[in-house]
């Protein structure tokens, strides 16, 4: 019904934003990631999703379109409601959610309050194929350095390193070098840390 709402921020807290638009104040549920992006601004545009319940019409808003698309994919999973999806997007960025699903990282999804093993598996099974292709063009969440990171991580795991430890080392290397290293260099630099 509403694709986005743009207006002056009349009220803002970590879970809700009120946007004043043409004399109407729209109360919109937001994630912590959206809150962080719009905090301190006078006005903003939130991409919205309207949830129609028997007793209420509830707006959910997102600072970027990719977060909205990930939210819509999450609520399509049986057992994942809008509040659970918002909690997931408050704990992880949309890119991290997509990456967790694509790499089948059950532990990362389980680390979110209220997401158990069965729910995490259901999210991965239902969305693994869909989430990457349904994102709008130009919103490639798996950036080149993340693809290289995955290849380097797989290589390090095959060499016998613990996955979480290897991932931390790769994150340090990527952060130190701006994420512009080829896979072989990522592995070599990570080995120096490990």
Foldseek 3Di string as FASTA:
>chain_A
DAQKDKAFFPDDDQFWTWGQDPNDTDIAGEANVQSVVCPPPGIAMWGWDWDDDPVDIHIHTHRDPLLVLLLVLQCVQPPQHNVNSSQQCNVDPSLVVLVCLQVVVQVVQCVGPPQHSVNSVSSSVSPNVPSQVPGDPPPRSCDPLNVLLVVLLVVVVVVPDDSVLLSVLLVVVCVVVVSPDGSVVSNVSSVVVD
